[in-house]
Amino acid sequence: MEKVTLKLVEFYNLETEINGAFNQQANQLIIRGLLNETIKLSTKIKVTDLLKKVQVELDVIQAKRNELVEKHGEKQEDGSFLITPFINVQTNEQGEITSREDNPKFQEFQQEFQAFLQEEKEFEFEPFTSVDLEGAYSEFNYVQFYKLVKLDQ
């Protein structure tokens, strides 16, 4: 096992690199994701184990996000909390927005959450080697994942 220091936001990026991302509206593949690449089954198992560890960190991040939404948002009838980016939204007869104001509480939320995402965390992982990646080919760039690769010297 080895350790690497990652910013919390990088865990989101790593999860996307593992699972991939697709823009539904544009019907466009953003990144295939390591689990969708043609790699050895043993490597996919190792990537899946990595994903489980990343998900633990993402759960902590989501808990903090929920805490900040509760702090800055408004309680809804169903007991949940909501924070909207805009307030005093005015629309015309066609439903088009004619005026709106930035929600200062949303801006406070954003500032706190973005600052939190810049915090660093030491992450323990099993490095990926040239044996794991042997024969792998991709047109995509997996920047966060590369931090977890230790090629033979």
C-alpha atoms as a PDB file:
ATOM      1  CA  MET A   1       0.000   0.000   0.000  1.00  0.00           C
ATOM      2  CA  GLU A   2       1.072   3.541  -0.701  1.00  0.00           C
ATOM      3  CA  LYS A   3      -0.256   6.974   0.173  1.00  0.00           C
ATOM      4  CA  VAL A   4      -1.016  10.032  -1.885  1.00  0.00           C
ATOM      5  CA  THR A   5      -2.371  13.416  -0.836  1.00  0.00           C
ATOM      6  CA  LEU A   6      -5.454  14.503  -2.782  1.00  0.00           C
ATOM      7  CA  LYS A   7      -7.692  17.520  -2.542  1.00  0.00           C
ATOM      8  CA  LEU A   8     -11.236  16.492  -1.709  1.00  0.00           C
ATOM      9  CA  VAL A   9     -12.454  17.745  -5.089  1.00  0.00           C
ATOM     10  CA  GLU A  10     -10.074  15.283  -6.732  1.00  0.00           C
ATOM     11  CA  PHE A  11     -12.104  12.384  -5.323  1.00  0.00           C
ATOM     12  CA  TYR A  12     -15.015  13.554  -7.518  1.00  0.00           C
ATOM     13  CA  ASN A  13     -12.682  13.629 -10.498  1.00  0.00           C
ATOM     14  CA  LEU A  14     -11.323  10.176  -9.698  1.00  0.00           C
ATOM     15  CA  GLU A  15     -14.831   8.734  -9.417  1.00  0.00           C
ATOM     16  CA  THR A  16     -15.671  10.179 -12.840  1.00  0.00           C
ATOM     17  CA  GLU A  17     -12.475   8.744 -14.303  1.00  0.00           C
ATOM     18  CA  ILE A  18     -13.409   5.313 -12.960  1.00  0.00           C
ATOM     19  CA  ASN A  19     -17.120   5.262 -13.893  1.00  0.00           C
ATOM     20  CA  GLY A  20     -17.094   7.591 -16.883  1.00  0.00           C
ATOM     21  CA  ALA A  21     -19.452  10.437 -17.725  1.00  0.00           C
ATOM     22  CA  PHE A  22     -22.007  11.034 -20.443  1.00  0.00           C
ATOM     23  CA  ASN A  23     -23.800  14.308 -21.243  1.00  0.00           C
ATOM     24  CA  GLN A  24     -27.420  13.214 -21.772  1.00  0.00           C
ATOM     25  CA  GLN A  25     -28.563  16.567 -23.172  1.00  0.00           C
ATOM     26  CA  ALA A  26     -25.859  16.707 -25.820  1.00  0.00           C
ATOM     27  CA  ASN A  27     -25.841  12.925 -26.285  1.00  0.00           C
ATOM     28  CA  GLN A  28     -22.063  13.078 -25.938  1.00  0.00           C
ATOM     29  CA  LEU A  29     -19.521  10.876 -24.187  1.00  0.00           C
ATOM     30  CA  ILE A  30     -17.335  13.005 -21.940  1.00  0.00           C
ATOM     31  CA  ILE A  31     -15.038  10.269 -20.641  1.00  0.00           C
ATOM     32  CA  ARG A  32     -15.422   6.509 -21.064  1.00  0.00           C
ATOM     33  CA  GLY A  33     -14.211   5.566 -17.592  1.00  0.00           C
ATOM     34  CA  LEU A  34     -11.631   2.993 -16.628  1.00  0.00           C
ATOM     35  CA  LEU A  35     -14.254   0.335 -15.916  1.00  0.00           C
ATOM     36  CA  ASN A  36     -15.513   0.705 -19.489  1.00  0.00           C
ATOM     37  CA  GLU A  37     -12.076   0.487 -21.082  1.00  0.00           C
ATOM     38  CA  THR A  38     -10.635  -2.712 -22.510  1.00  0.00           C
ATOM     39  CA  ILE A  39      -8.385  -3.806 -19.660  1.00  0.00           C
ATOM     40  CA  LYS A  40      -7.663  -7.125 -17.992  1.00  0.00           C
ATOM     41  CA  LEU A  41     -10.351  -8.506 -15.691  1.00  0.00           C
ATOM     42  CA  SER A  42      -7.894  -8.571 -12.773  1.00  0.00           C
ATOM     43  CA  THR A  43      -7.258  -4.859 -13.325  1.00  0.00           C
ATOM     44  CA  LYS A  44     -10.990  -4.132 -13.439  1.00  0.00           C
ATOM     45  CA  ILE A  45     -11.345  -5.887 -10.085  1.00  0.00           C
ATOM     46  CA  LYS A  46      -8.541  -3.735  -8.683  1.00  0.00           C
ATOM     47  CA  VAL A  47     -10.199  -0.589 -10.110  1.00  0.00           C
ATOM     48  CA  THR A  48     -13.522  -1.657  -8.548  1.00  0.00           C
ATOM     49  CA  ASP A  49     -11.798  -2.006  -5.164  1.00  0.00           C
ATOM     50  CA  LEU A  50     -10.352   1.480  -5.650  1.00  0.00           C
ATOM     51  CA  LEU A  51     -13.833   2.804  -6.443  1.00  0.00           C
ATOM     52  CA  LYS A  52     -15.129   1.428  -3.123  1.00  0.00           C
ATOM     53  CA  LYS A  53     -12.419   3.342  -1.258  1.00  0.00           C
ATOM     54  CA  VAL A  54     -13.150   6.508  -3.248  1.00  0.00           C
ATOM     55  CA  GLN A  55     -16.872   6.162  -2.476  1.00  0.00           C
ATOM     56  CA  VAL A  56     -16.127   6.201   1.271  1.00  0.00           C
ATOM     57  CA  GLU A  57     -14.463   9.590   0.811  1.00  0.00           C
ATOM     58  CA  LEU A  58     -17.315  10.844  -1.378  1.00  0.00           C
ATOM     59  CA  ASP A  59     -19.811   9.855   1.336  1.00  0.00           C
ATOM     60  CA  VAL A  60     -17.918  12.074   3.806  1.00  0.00           C
ATOM     61  CA  ILE A  61     -17.946  14.935   1.296  1.00  0.00           C
ATOM     62  CA  GLN A  62     -21.688  14.482   0.688  1.00  0.00           C
ATOM     63  CA  ALA A  63     -22.351  14.552   4.439  1.00  0.00           C
ATOM     64  CA  LYS A  64     -20.506  17.874   4.705  1.00  0.00           C
ATOM     65  CA  ARG A  65     -22.437  19.234   1.713  1.00  0.00           C
ATOM     66  CA  ASN A  66     -25.728  18.213   3.346  1.00  0.00           C
ATOM     67  CA  GLU A  67     -24.627  19.893   6.577  1.00  0.00           C
ATOM     68  CA  LEU A  68     -23.931  23.136   4.698  1.00  0.00           C
ATOM     69  CA  VAL A  69     -27.243  22.980   2.814  1.00  0.00           C
ATOM     70  CA  GLU A  70     -29.005  22.617   6.154  1.00  0.00           C
ATOM     71  CA  LYS A  71     -26.993  25.517   7.576  1.00  0.00           C
ATOM     72  CA  HIS A  72     -27.670  27.912   4.684  1.00  0.00           C
ATOM     73  CA  GLY A  73     -30.878  26.525   3.168  1.00  0.00           C
ATOM     74  CA  GLU A  74     -34.524  26.688   4.084  1.00  0.00           C
ATOM     75  CA  LYS A  75     -36.474  23.826   5.581  1.00  0.00           C
ATOM     76  CA  GLN A  76     -39.163  22.454   3.265  1.00  0.00           C
ATOM     77  CA  GLU A  77     -42.559  21.057   4.259  1.00  0.00           C
ATOM     78  CA  ASP A  78     -41.257  17.499   3.889  1.00  0.00           C
ATOM     79  CA  GLY A  79     -38.426  18.221   6.354  1.00  0.00           C
ATOM     80  CA  SER A  80     -35.676  18.423   3.752  1.00  0.00           C
ATOM     81  CA  PHE A  81     -33.538  21.506   3.191  1.00  0.00           C
ATOM     82  CA  LEU A  82     -33.202  23.456  -0.038  1.00  0.00           C
ATOM     83  CA  ILE A  83     -30.971  26.283  -1.134  1.00  0.00           C
ATOM     84  CA  THR A  84     -31.552  27.952  -4.475  1.00  0.00           C
ATOM     85  CA  PRO A  85     -29.042  30.053  -6.424  1.00  0.00           C
ATOM     86  CA  PHE A  86     -31.591  32.790  -7.071  1.00  0.00           C
ATOM     87  CA  ILE A  87     -34.320  34.578  -5.153  1.00  0.00           C
ATOM     88  CA  ASN A  88     -37.130  36.948  -6.133  1.00  0.00           C
ATOM     89  CA  VAL A  89     -37.499  35.263  -9.510  1.00  0.00           C
ATOM     90  CA  GLN A  90     -39.992  37.042 -11.769  1.00  0.00           C
ATOM     91  CA  THR A  91     -41.475  35.426 -14.890  1.00  0.00           C
ATOM     92  CA  ASN A  92     -43.711  36.614 -17.700  1.00  0.00           C
ATOM     93  CA  GLU A  93     -46.850  34.893 -19.046  1.00  0.00           C
ATOM     94  CA  GLN A  94     -44.730  32.523 -21.168  1.00  0.00           C
ATOM     95  CA  GLY A  95     -42.823  31.388 -18.081  1.00  0.00           C
ATOM     96  CA  GLU A  96     -39.621  33.117 -19.151  1.00  0.00           C
ATOM     97  CA  ILE A  97     -37.520  34.664 -16.398  1.00  0.00           C
ATOM     98  CA  THR A  98     -37.638  38.454 -16.534  1.00  0.00           C
ATOM     99  CA  SER A  99     -35.646  39.216 -13.386  1.00  0.00           C
ATOM    100  CA  ARG A 100     -33.913  37.479 -10.508  1.00  0.00           C
ATOM    101  CA  GLU A 101     -31.430  38.177  -7.748  1.00  0.00           C
ATOM    102  CA  ASP A 102     -28.468  36.142  -6.566  1.00  0.00           C
ATOM    103  CA  ASN A 103     -29.218  34.371  -3.298  1.00  0.00           C
ATOM    104  CA  PRO A 104     -26.587  35.545  -0.774  1.00  0.00           C
ATOM    105  CA  LYS A 105     -27.136  32.376   1.290  1.00  0.00           C
ATOM    106  CA  PHE A 106     -26.331  30.267  -1.760  1.00  0.00           C
ATOM    107  CA  GLN A 107     -23.159  32.271  -2.324  1.00  0.00           C
ATOM    108  CA  GLU A 108     -22.141  31.670   1.318  1.00  0.00           C
ATOM    109  CA  PHE A 109     -22.847  27.958   0.852  1.00  0.00           C
ATOM    110  CA  GLN A 110     -20.759  27.888  -2.331  1.00  0.00           C
ATOM    111  CA  GLN A 111     -17.827  29.659  -0.672  1.00  0.00           C
ATOM    112  CA  GLU A 112     -17.800  27.293   2.305  1.00  0.00           C
ATOM    113  CA  PHE A 113     -18.244  24.163   0.213  1.00  0.00           C
ATOM    114  CA  GLN A 114     -15.575  25.176  -2.328  1.00  0.00           C
ATOM    115  CA  ALA A 115     -13.138  25.932   0.505  1.00  0.00           C
ATOM    116  CA  PHE A 116     -13.911  22.516   2.006  1.00  0.00           C
ATOM    117  CA  LEU A 117     -13.268  20.809  -1.354  1.00  0.00           C
ATOM    118  CA  GLN A 118      -9.782  22.370  -1.454  1.00  0.00           C
ATOM    119  CA  GLU A 119      -8.813  20.636   1.792  1.00  0.00           C
ATOM    120  CA  GLU A 120      -6.352  17.789   1.420  1.00  0.00           C
ATOM    121  CA  LYS A 121      -6.675  14.195   2.536  1.00  0.00           C
ATOM    122  CA  GLU A 122      -4.095  11.440   2.659  1.00  0.00           C
ATOM    123  CA  PHE A 123      -5.396   8.467   0.686  1.00  0.00           C
ATOM    124  CA  GLU A 124      -4.045   4.947   0.988  1.00  0.00           C
ATOM    125  CA  PHE A 125      -4.174   2.810  -2.157  1.00  0.00           C
ATOM    126  CA  GLU A 126      -2.733  -0.196  -3.912  1.00  0.00           C
ATOM    127  CA  PRO A 127      -0.636   1.219  -6.770  1.00  0.00           C
ATOM    128  CA  PHE A 128      -1.343   0.214 -10.341  1.00  0.00           C
ATOM    129  CA  THR A 129       1.666  -1.128 -12.206  1.00  0.00           C
ATOM    130  CA  SER A 130       2.716  -1.707 -15.797  1.00  0.00           C
ATOM    131  CA  VAL A 131       1.494  -5.311 -15.373  1.00  0.00           C
ATOM    132  CA  ASP A 132      -1.997  -4.022 -14.451  1.00  0.00           C
ATOM    133  CA  LEU A 133      -2.044  -1.711 -17.459  1.00  0.00           C
ATOM    134  CA  GLU A 134      -0.404  -4.075 -19.945  1.00  0.00           C
ATOM    135  CA  GLY A 135      -2.249  -3.965 -23.256  1.00  0.00           C
ATOM    136  CA  ALA A 136      -4.522  -1.115 -22.138  1.00  0.00           C
ATOM    137  CA  TYR A 137      -5.275   1.589 -24.660  1.00  0.00           C
ATOM    138  CA  SER A 138      -7.409   4.697 -24.277  1.00  0.00           C
ATOM    139  CA  GLU A 139      -8.122   7.884 -26.141  1.00  0.00           C
ATOM    140  CA  PHE A 140      -9.036   9.489 -22.813  1.00  0.00           C
ATOM    141  CA  ASN A 141      -6.782  11.136 -20.242  1.00  0.00           C
ATOM    142  CA  TYR A 142      -7.143   9.912 -16.631  1.00  0.00           C
ATOM    143  CA  VAL A 143      -5.208  12.607 -14.759  1.00  0.00           C
ATOM    144  CA  GLN A 144      -6.229  11.715 -11.195  1.00  0.00           C
ATOM    145  CA  PHE A 145      -5.791   7.992 -11.806  1.00  0.00           C
ATOM    146  CA  TYR A 146      -2.224   8.546 -13.018  1.00  0.00           C
ATOM    147  CA  LYS A 147      -1.351   9.661  -9.490  1.00  0.00           C
ATOM    148  CA  LEU A 148      -2.073   6.078  -8.421  1.00  0.00           C
ATOM    149  CA  VAL A 149       0.129   4.442 -11.052  1.00  0.00           C
ATOM    150  CA  LYS A 150       3.665   3.348 -10.261  1.00  0.00           C
ATOM    151  CA  LEU A 151       5.375   2.174 -13.428  1.00  0.00           C
ATOM    152  CA  ASP A 152       8.507   0.051 -13.216  1.00  0.00           C
ATOM    153  CA  GLN A 153      11.713   2.066 -13.396  1.00  0.00           C
END
